[in-house]
Amino acid sequence: MHEMSMALEIARIAEEQLGATAPQLVTVAVEVGDHAGVEPANLEFCLEAVFSTPPFRGAKGMIIRSAGDALQLAYLEVDDGDPEDRGP
């Protein structure tokens, strides 16, 4: 299952981007093309497993389907703890 290897690499990239004083990671979105050679449901399952462990504390994996062969990290959503960012 190469989707687990991809999920681990996505986690490594997220950890690298967030740095040592990482804010709370909320969502990790990955764009997956129809011809990327990846089973989106399997990747989503693997992302859920990887991001349920520290230091991520339950971040949600999200798959964004697209045409073509794209496979890329689309965005990282974080909660920096600022109460002004929260809704009512």
PDB file of N, CA and C in Angstrom:
ATOM      1  N   MET A   1       0.856  -1.171   0.000  1.00  0.00           N
ATOM      2  CA  MET A   1       0.000   0.000   0.000  1.00  0.00           C
ATOM      3  C   MET A   1       0.902   1.233   0.000  1.00  0.00           C
ATOM      4  N   HIS A   2       1.178   1.793  -1.171  1.00  0.00           N
ATOM      5  CA  HIS A   2       2.055   2.956  -1.254  1.00  0.00           C
ATOM      6  C   HIS A   2       1.375   4.216  -0.734  1.00  0.00           C
ATOM      7  N   GLU A   3       0.076   4.185  -0.500  1.00  0.00           N
ATOM      8  CA  GLU A   3      -0.616   5.339   0.065  1.00  0.00           C
ATOM      9  C   GLU A   3      -0.104   5.664   1.466  1.00  0.00           C
ATOM     10  N   MET A   4       0.292   4.635   2.242  1.00  0.00           N
ATOM     11  CA  MET A   4       0.837   4.889   3.583  1.00  0.00           C
ATOM     12  C   MET A   4       2.167   5.624   3.480  1.00  0.00           C
ATOM     13  N   SER A   5       2.998   5.247   2.520  1.00  0.00           N
ATOM     14  CA  SER A   5       4.262   5.962   2.317  1.00  0.00           C
ATOM     15  C   SER A   5       4.001   7.416   1.954  1.00  0.00           C
ATOM     16  N   MET A   6       2.997   7.643   1.136  1.00  0.00           N
ATOM     17  CA  MET A   6       2.639   9.017   0.760  1.00  0.00           C
ATOM     18  C   MET A   6       2.141   9.790   1.976  1.00  0.00           C
ATOM     19  N   ALA A   7       1.314   9.166   2.788  1.00  0.00           N
ATOM     20  CA  ALA A   7       0.794   9.831   3.984  1.00  0.00           C
ATOM     21  C   ALA A   7       1.922  10.185   4.945  1.00  0.00           C
ATOM     22  N   LEU A   8       2.888   9.300   5.096  1.00  0.00           N
ATOM     23  CA  LEU A   8       4.033   9.588   5.966  1.00  0.00           C
ATOM     24  C   LEU A   8       4.868  10.743   5.424  1.00  0.00           C
ATOM     25  N   GLU A   9       5.043  10.798   4.111  1.00  0.00           N
ATOM     26  CA  GLU A   9       5.792  11.906   3.506  1.00  0.00           C
ATOM     27  C   GLU A   9       5.023  13.215   3.643  1.00  0.00           C
ATOM     28  N   ILE A  10       3.714  13.180   3.485  1.00  0.00           N
ATOM     29  CA  ILE A  10       2.889  14.377   3.677  1.00  0.00           C
ATOM     30  C   ILE A  10       3.022  14.860   5.115  1.00  0.00           C
ATOM     31  N   ALA A  11       3.031  13.941   6.076  1.00  0.00           N
ATOM     32  CA  ALA A  11       3.212  14.310   7.487  1.00  0.00           C
ATOM     33  C   ALA A  11       4.588  14.934   7.712  1.00  0.00           C
ATOM     34  N   ARG A  12       5.615  14.388   7.061  1.00  0.00           N
ATOM     35  CA  ARG A  12       6.966  14.951   7.196  1.00  0.00           C
ATOM     36  C   ARG A  12       7.001  16.376   6.659  1.00  0.00           C
ATOM     37  N   ILE A  13       6.364  16.596   5.513  1.00  0.00           N
ATOM     38  CA  ILE A  13       6.322  17.933   4.919  1.00  0.00           C
ATOM     39  C   ILE A  13       5.561  18.890   5.833  1.00  0.00           C
ATOM     40  N   ALA A  14       4.431  18.450   6.358  1.00  0.00           N
ATOM     41  CA  ALA A  14       3.635  19.295   7.257  1.00  0.00           C
ATOM     42  C   ALA A  14       4.441  19.664   8.493  1.00  0.00           C
ATOM     43  N   GLU A  15       5.114  18.698   9.074  1.00  0.00           N
ATOM     44  CA  GLU A  15       5.922  18.957  10.265  1.00  0.00           C
ATOM     45  C   GLU A  15       7.050  19.937   9.951  1.00  0.00           C
ATOM     46  N   GLU A  16       7.665  19.769   8.798  1.00  0.00           N
ATOM     47  CA  GLU A  16       8.743  20.669   8.371  1.00  0.00           C
ATOM     48  C   GLU A  16       8.217  22.098   8.176  1.00  0.00           C
ATOM     49  N   GLN A  17       7.061  22.233   7.554  1.00  0.00           N
ATOM     50  CA  GLN A  17       6.489  23.549   7.293  1.00  0.00           C
ATOM     51  C   GLN A  17       6.034  24.247   8.571  1.00  0.00           C
ATOM     52  N   LEU A  18       5.532  23.484   9.531  1.00  0.00           N
ATOM     53  CA  LEU A  18       5.018  24.081  10.762  1.00  0.00           C
ATOM     54  C   LEU A  18       6.126  24.451  11.736  1.00  0.00           C
ATOM     55  N   GLY A  19       7.244  23.774  11.677  1.00  0.00           N
ATOM     56  CA  GLY A  19       8.371  24.105  12.540  1.00  0.00           C
ATOM     57  C   GLY A  19       8.230  23.593  13.961  1.00  0.00           C
ATOM     58  N   ALA A  20       9.218  23.919  14.783  1.00  0.00           N
ATOM     59  CA  ALA A  20       9.293  23.415  16.153  1.00  0.00           C
ATOM     60  C   ALA A  20       8.190  23.978  17.048  1.00  0.00           C
ATOM     61  N   THR A  21       7.792  25.197  16.821  1.00  0.00           N
ATOM     62  CA  THR A  21       6.735  25.808  17.642  1.00  0.00           C
ATOM     63  C   THR A  21       5.416  25.725  16.899  1.00  0.00           C
ATOM     64  N   ALA A  22       5.108  24.533  16.422  1.00  0.00           N
ATOM     65  CA  ALA A  22       3.958  24.315  15.541  1.00  0.00           C
ATOM     66  C   ALA A  22       2.637  24.677  16.193  1.00  0.00           C
ATOM     67  N   PRO A  23       1.813  25.413  15.458  1.00  0.00           N
ATOM     68  CA  PRO A  23       0.435  25.608  15.900  1.00  0.00           C
ATOM     69  C   PRO A  23      -0.329  24.304  15.716  1.00  0.00           C
ATOM     70  N   GLN A  24      -1.525  24.243  16.222  1.00  0.00           N
ATOM     71  CA  GLN A  24      -2.357  23.050  16.086  1.00  0.00           C
ATOM     72  C   GLN A  24      -2.765  22.855  14.624  1.00  0.00           C
ATOM     73  N   LEU A  25      -2.362  21.749  14.049  1.00  0.00           N
ATOM     74  CA  LEU A  25      -2.747  21.429  12.682  1.00  0.00           C
ATOM     75  C   LEU A  25      -4.193  20.953  12.692  1.00  0.00           C
ATOM     76  N   VAL A  26      -5.035  21.537  11.848  1.00  0.00           N
ATOM     77  CA  VAL A  26      -6.462  21.211  11.805  1.00  0.00           C
ATOM     78  C   VAL A  26      -6.773  20.326  10.600  1.00  0.00           C
ATOM     79  N   THR A  27      -6.336  20.740   9.413  1.00  0.00           N
ATOM     80  CA  THR A  27      -6.644  20.015   8.185  1.00  0.00           C
ATOM     81  C   THR A  27      -5.428  19.965   7.273  1.00  0.00           C
ATOM     82  N   VAL A  28      -5.249  18.825   6.633  1.00  0.00           N
ATOM     83  CA  VAL A  28      -4.234  18.645   5.609  1.00  0.00           C
ATOM     84  C   VAL A  28      -4.978  18.263   4.337  1.00  0.00           C
ATOM     85  N   ALA A  29      -4.920  19.117   3.325  1.00  0.00           N
ATOM     86  CA  ALA A  29      -5.624  18.850   2.071  1.00  0.00           C
ATOM     87  C   ALA A  29      -4.632  18.419   0.997  1.00  0.00           C
ATOM     88  N   VAL A  30      -4.990  17.345   0.311  1.00  0.00           N
ATOM     89  CA  VAL A  30      -4.147  16.799  -0.738  1.00  0.00           C
ATOM     90  C   VAL A  30      -4.959  16.722  -2.028  1.00  0.00           C
ATOM     91  N   GLU A  31      -4.406  17.298  -3.091  1.00  0.00           N
ATOM     92  CA  GLU A  31      -5.049  17.204  -4.401  1.00  0.00           C
ATOM     93  C   GLU A  31      -4.617  15.905  -5.064  1.00  0.00           C
ATOM     94  N   VAL A  32      -5.599  15.099  -5.482  1.00  0.00           N
ATOM     95  CA  VAL A  32      -5.327  13.815  -6.113  1.00  0.00           C
ATOM     96  C   VAL A  32      -6.055  13.761  -7.450  1.00  0.00           C
ATOM     97  N   GLY A  33      -5.292  13.633  -8.511  1.00  0.00           N
ATOM     98  CA  GLY A  33      -5.870  13.533  -9.850  1.00  0.00           C
ATOM     99  C   GLY A  33      -6.414  12.142 -10.122  1.00  0.00           C
ATOM    100  N   ASP A  34      -7.364  12.070 -11.024  1.00  0.00           N
ATOM    101  CA  ASP A  34      -7.972  10.792 -11.384  1.00  0.00           C
ATOM    102  C   ASP A  34      -6.962   9.801 -11.963  1.00  0.00           C
ATOM    103  N   HIS A  35      -5.879  10.308 -12.525  1.00  0.00           N
ATOM    104  CA  HIS A  35      -4.866   9.451 -13.142  1.00  0.00           C
ATOM    105  C   HIS A  35      -3.532   9.505 -12.401  1.00  0.00           C
ATOM    106  N   ALA A  36      -3.577   9.759 -11.105  1.00  0.00           N
ATOM    107  CA  ALA A  36      -2.358   9.883 -10.308  1.00  0.00           C
ATOM    108  C   ALA A  36      -1.815   8.537  -9.843  1.00  0.00           C
ATOM    109  N   GLY A  37      -2.576   7.482 -10.048  1.00  0.00           N
ATOM    110  CA  GLY A  37      -2.118   6.169  -9.589  1.00  0.00           C
ATOM    111  C   GLY A  37      -2.281   5.985  -8.091  1.00  0.00           C
ATOM    112  N   VAL A  38      -3.212   6.722  -7.521  1.00  0.00           N
ATOM    113  CA  VAL A  38      -3.449   6.685  -6.079  1.00  0.00           C
ATOM    114  C   VAL A  38      -4.924   6.388  -5.848  1.00  0.00           C
ATOM    115  N   GLU A  39      -5.195   5.513  -4.895  1.00  0.00           N
ATOM    116  CA  GLU A  39      -6.574   5.245  -4.505  1.00  0.00           C
ATOM    117  C   GLU A  39      -6.956   6.267  -3.433  1.00  0.00           C
ATOM    118  N   PRO A  40      -7.785   7.274  -3.768  1.00  0.00           N
ATOM    119  CA  PRO A  40      -8.089   8.345  -2.826  1.00  0.00           C
ATOM    120  C   PRO A  40      -8.634   7.872  -1.474  1.00  0.00           C
ATOM    121  N   ALA A  41      -9.487   6.875  -1.472  1.00  0.00           N
ATOM    122  CA  ALA A  41     -10.041   6.385  -0.198  1.00  0.00           C
ATOM    123  C   ALA A  41      -8.939   5.792   0.678  1.00  0.00           C
ATOM    124  N   ASN A  42      -8.003   5.074   0.072  1.00  0.00           N
ATOM    125  CA  ASN A  42      -6.889   4.507   0.840  1.00  0.00           C
ATOM    126  C   ASN A  42      -5.986   5.602   1.388  1.00  0.00           C
ATOM    127  N   LEU A  43      -5.701   6.612   0.572  1.00  0.00           N
ATOM    128  CA  LEU A  43      -4.862   7.717   1.029  1.00  0.00           C
ATOM    129  C   LEU A  43      -5.540   8.458   2.174  1.00  0.00           C
ATOM    130  N   GLU A  44      -6.841   8.689   2.061  1.00  0.00           N
ATOM    131  CA  GLU A  44      -7.568   9.365   3.129  1.00  0.00           C
ATOM    132  C   GLU A  44      -7.505   8.564   4.428  1.00  0.00           C
ATOM    133  N   PHE A  45      -7.654   7.249   4.344  1.00  0.00           N
ATOM    134  CA  PHE A  45      -7.551   6.384   5.512  1.00  0.00           C
ATOM    135  C   PHE A  45      -6.155   6.480   6.138  1.00  0.00           C
ATOM    136  N   CYS A  46      -5.132   6.436   5.305  1.00  0.00           N
ATOM    137  CA  CYS A  46      -3.755   6.515   5.793  1.00  0.00           C
ATOM    138  C   CYS A  46      -3.460   7.873   6.427  1.00  0.00           C
ATOM    139  N   LEU A  47      -3.961   8.942   5.819  1.00  0.00           N
ATOM    140  CA  LEU A  47      -3.768  10.273   6.406  1.00  0.00           C
ATOM    141  C   LEU A  47      -4.424  10.345   7.782  1.00  0.00           C
ATOM    142  N   GLU A  48      -5.611   9.774   7.910  1.00  0.00           N
ATOM    143  CA  GLU A  48      -6.305   9.765   9.198  1.00  0.00           C
ATOM    144  C   GLU A  48      -5.470   9.034  10.249  1.00  0.00           C
ATOM    145  N   ALA A  49      -4.893   7.905   9.870  1.00  0.00           N
ATOM    146  CA  ALA A  49      -4.069   7.138  10.802  1.00  0.00           C
ATOM    147  C   ALA A  49      -2.816   7.911  11.210  1.00  0.00           C
ATOM    148  N   VAL A  50      -2.126   8.488  10.233  1.00  0.00           N
ATOM    149  CA  VAL A  50      -0.878   9.210  10.509  1.00  0.00           C
ATOM    150  C   VAL A  50      -1.136  10.460  11.338  1.00  0.00           C
ATOM    151  N   PHE A  51      -2.190  11.200  11.026  1.00  0.00           N
ATOM    152  CA  PHE A  51      -2.443  12.460  11.722  1.00  0.00           C
ATOM    153  C   PHE A  51      -3.204  12.287  13.032  1.00  0.00           C
ATOM    154  N   SER A  52      -3.493  11.057  13.415  1.00  0.00           N
ATOM    155  CA  SER A  52      -4.116  10.815  14.722  1.00  0.00           C
ATOM    156  C   SER A  52      -3.063  10.692  15.826  1.00  0.00           C
ATOM    157  N   THR A  53      -1.793  10.693  15.459  1.00  0.00           N
ATOM    158  CA  THR A  53      -0.703  10.518  16.411  1.00  0.00           C
ATOM    159  C   THR A  53       0.025  11.844  16.648  1.00  0.00           C
ATOM    160  N   PRO A  54       0.715  11.969  17.802  1.00  0.00           N
ATOM    161  CA  PRO A  54       1.504  13.185  18.047  1.00  0.00           C
ATOM    162  C   PRO A  54       2.555  13.346  16.962  1.00  0.00           C
ATOM    163  N   PRO A  55       2.906  14.530  16.585  1.00  0.00           N
ATOM    164  CA  PRO A  55       2.553  15.803  17.200  1.00  0.00           C
ATOM    165  C   PRO A  55       1.289  16.437  16.616  1.00  0.00           C
ATOM    166  N   PHE A  56       0.537  15.688  15.819  1.00  0.00           N
ATOM    167  CA  PHE A  56      -0.562  16.291  15.064  1.00  0.00           C
ATOM    168  C   PHE A  56      -1.891  16.342  15.817  1.00  0.00           C
ATOM    169  N   ARG A  57      -2.087  15.501  16.790  1.00  0.00           N
ATOM    170  CA  ARG A  57      -3.265  15.533  17.671  1.00  0.00           C
ATOM    171  C   ARG A  57      -4.599  15.549  16.925  1.00  0.00           C
ATOM    172  N   GLY A  58      -4.756  14.671  15.958  1.00  0.00           N
ATOM    173  CA  GLY A  58      -6.061  14.506  15.333  1.00  0.00           C
ATOM    174  C   GLY A  58      -6.396  15.423  14.174  1.00  0.00           C
ATOM    175  N   ALA A  59      -5.414  15.886  13.443  1.00  0.00           N
ATOM    176  CA  ALA A  59      -5.701  16.686  12.258  1.00  0.00           C
ATOM    177  C   ALA A  59      -6.482  15.841  11.254  1.00  0.00           C
ATOM    178  N   LYS A  60      -7.289  16.490  10.468  1.00  0.00           N
ATOM    179  CA  LYS A  60      -8.136  15.805   9.494  1.00  0.00           C
ATOM    180  C   LYS A  60      -7.468  15.829   8.125  1.00  0.00           C
ATOM    181  N   GLY A  61      -7.465  14.690   7.461  1.00  0.00           N
ATOM    182  CA  GLY A  61      -6.989  14.626   6.082  1.00  0.00           C
ATOM    183  C   GLY A  61      -8.142  14.856   5.131  1.00  0.00           C
ATOM    184  N   MET A  62      -7.915  15.654   4.097  1.00  0.00           N
ATOM    185  CA  MET A  62      -8.960  15.940   3.114  1.00  0.00           C
ATOM    186  C   MET A  62      -8.397  15.694   1.721  1.00  0.00           C
ATOM    187  N   ILE A  63      -9.160  14.965   0.921  1.00  0.00           N
ATOM    188  CA  ILE A  63      -8.765  14.694  -0.459  1.00  0.00           C
ATOM    189  C   ILE A  63      -9.569  15.616  -1.381  1.00  0.00           C
ATOM    190  N   ILE A  64      -8.866  16.309  -2.256  1.00  0.00           N
ATOM    191  CA  ILE A  64      -9.490  17.151  -3.272  1.00  0.00           C
ATOM    192  C   ILE A  64      -9.266  16.451  -4.609  1.00  0.00           C
ATOM    193  N   ARG A  65     -10.336  15.966  -5.186  1.00  0.00           N
ATOM    194  CA  ARG A  65     -10.237  15.251  -6.463  1.00  0.00           C
ATOM    195  C   ARG A  65     -10.093  16.247  -7.609  1.00  0.00           C
ATOM    196  N   SER A  66      -9.294  15.860  -8.611  1.00  0.00           N
ATOM    197  CA  SER A  66      -9.112  16.704  -9.789  1.00  0.00           C
ATOM    198  C   SER A  66      -8.883  15.829 -11.013  1.00  0.00           C
ATOM    199  N   ALA A  67      -8.951  16.438 -12.163  1.00  0.00           N
ATOM    200  CA  ALA A  67      -8.658  15.727 -13.409  1.00  0.00           C
ATOM    201  C   ALA A  67      -7.141  15.650 -13.571  1.00  0.00           C
ATOM    202  N   GLY A  68      -6.705  14.737 -14.382  1.00  0.00           N
ATOM    203  CA  GLY A  68      -5.278  14.649 -14.681  1.00  0.00           C
ATOM    204  C   GLY A  68      -4.527  13.776 -13.708  1.00  0.00           C
ATOM    205  N   ASP A  69      -3.212  14.043 -13.598  1.00  0.00           N
ATOM    206  CA  ASP A  69      -2.360  13.196 -12.770  1.00  0.00           C
ATOM    207  C   ASP A  69      -1.756  13.944 -11.586  1.00  0.00           C
ATOM    208  N   ALA A  70      -2.419  14.992 -11.144  1.00  0.00           N
ATOM    209  CA  ALA A  70      -1.904  15.792 -10.024  1.00  0.00           C
ATOM    210  C   ALA A  70      -1.857  14.972  -8.743  1.00  0.00           C
ATOM    211  N   LEU A  71      -0.828  15.184  -7.977  1.00  0.00           N
ATOM    212  CA  LEU A  71      -0.712  14.652  -6.621  1.00  0.00           C
ATOM    213  C   LEU A  71       0.149  15.647  -5.855  1.00  0.00           C
ATOM    214  N   GLN A  72      -0.513  16.492  -5.054  1.00  0.00           N
ATOM    215  CA  GLN A  72       0.229  17.528  -4.357  1.00  0.00           C
ATOM    216  C   GLN A  72      -0.471  17.940  -3.069  1.00  0.00           C
ATOM    217  N   LEU A  73       0.323  18.431  -2.145  1.00  0.00           N
ATOM    218  CA  LEU A  73      -0.217  19.002  -0.924  1.00  0.00           C
ATOM    219  C   LEU A  73      -0.873  20.319  -1.297  1.00  0.00           C
ATOM    220  N   ALA A  74      -2.178  20.438  -1.069  1.00  0.00           N
ATOM    221  CA  ALA A  74      -2.914  21.635  -1.476  1.00  0.00           C
ATOM    222  C   ALA A  74      -2.790  22.730  -0.426  1.00  0.00           C
ATOM    223  N   TYR A  75      -3.030  22.398   0.851  1.00  0.00           N
ATOM    224  CA  TYR A  75      -2.881  23.384   1.916  1.00  0.00           C
ATOM    225  C   TYR A  75      -2.862  22.722   3.281  1.00  0.00           C
ATOM    226  N   LEU A  76      -2.356  23.477   4.246  1.00  0.00           N
ATOM    227  CA  LEU A  76      -2.381  23.105   5.658  1.00  0.00           C
ATOM    228  C   LEU A  76      -3.219  24.149   6.377  1.00  0.00           C
ATOM    229  N   GLU A  77      -4.234  23.722   7.100  1.00  0.00           N
ATOM    230  CA  GLU A  77      -5.032  24.632   7.909  1.00  0.00           C
ATOM    231  C   GLU A  77      -4.587  24.474   9.353  1.00  0.00           C
ATOM    232  N   VAL A  78      -4.275  25.601  10.008  1.00  0.00           N
ATOM    233  CA  VAL A  78      -3.801  25.559  11.388  1.00  0.00           C
ATOM    234  C   VAL A  78      -4.651  26.435  12.293  1.00  0.00           C
ATOM    235  N   ASP A  79      -4.645  26.094  13.570  1.00  0.00           N
ATOM    236  CA  ASP A  79      -5.273  26.905  14.604  1.00  0.00           C
ATOM    237  C   ASP A  79      -4.130  27.451  15.451  1.00  0.00           C
ATOM    238  N   ASP A  80      -3.880  28.738  15.326  1.00  0.00           N
ATOM    239  CA  ASP A  80      -2.755  29.324  16.046  1.00  0.00           C
ATOM    240  C   ASP A  80      -3.110  29.751  17.470  1.00  0.00           C
ATOM    241  N   GLY A  81      -4.349  29.463  17.888  1.00  0.00           N
ATOM    242  CA  GLY A  81      -4.756  29.794  19.252  1.00  0.00           C
ATOM    243  C   GLY A  81      -5.293  31.187  19.439  1.00  0.00           C
ATOM    244  N   ASP A  82      -5.344  31.975  18.383  1.00  0.00           N
ATOM    245  CA  ASP A  82      -5.843  33.346  18.479  1.00  0.00           C
ATOM    246  C   ASP A  82      -7.361  33.302  18.596  1.00  0.00           C
ATOM    247  N   PRO A  83      -7.936  33.743  19.719  1.00  0.00           N
ATOM    248  CA  PRO A  83      -9.395  33.675  19.906  1.00  0.00           C
ATOM    249  C   PRO A  83     -10.167  34.539  18.911  1.00  0.00           C
ATOM    250  N   GLU A  84      -9.528  35.534  18.314  1.00  0.00           N
ATOM    251  CA  GLU A  84     -10.204  36.384  17.330  1.00  0.00           C
ATOM    252  C   GLU A  84     -10.473  35.661  16.024  1.00  0.00           C
ATOM    253  N   ASP A  85      -9.757  34.553  15.779  1.00  0.00           N
ATOM    254  CA  ASP A  85      -9.938  33.789  14.550  1.00  0.00           C
ATOM    255  C   ASP A  85     -11.136  32.863  14.620  1.00  0.00           C
ATOM    256  N   ARG A  86     -11.681  32.661  15.777  1.00  0.00           N
ATOM    257  CA  ARG A  86     -12.777  31.694  15.951  1.00  0.00           C
ATOM    258  C   ARG A  86     -14.109  32.358  15.676  1.00  0.00           C
ATOM    259  N   GLY A  87     -15.004  31.564  15.156  1.00  0.00           N
ATOM    260  CA  GLY A  87     -16.347  32.049  14.854  1.00  0.00           C
ATOM    261  C   GLY A  87     -17.143  32.289  16.127  1.00  0.00           C
ATOM    262  N   PRO A  88     -18.357  32.811  15.982  1.00  0.00           N
ATOM    263  CA  PRO A  88     -19.188  33.113  17.159  1.00  0.00           C
ATOM    264  C   PRO A  88     -19.608  31.877  17.910  1.00  0.00           C
TER     265      PRO A  88
END
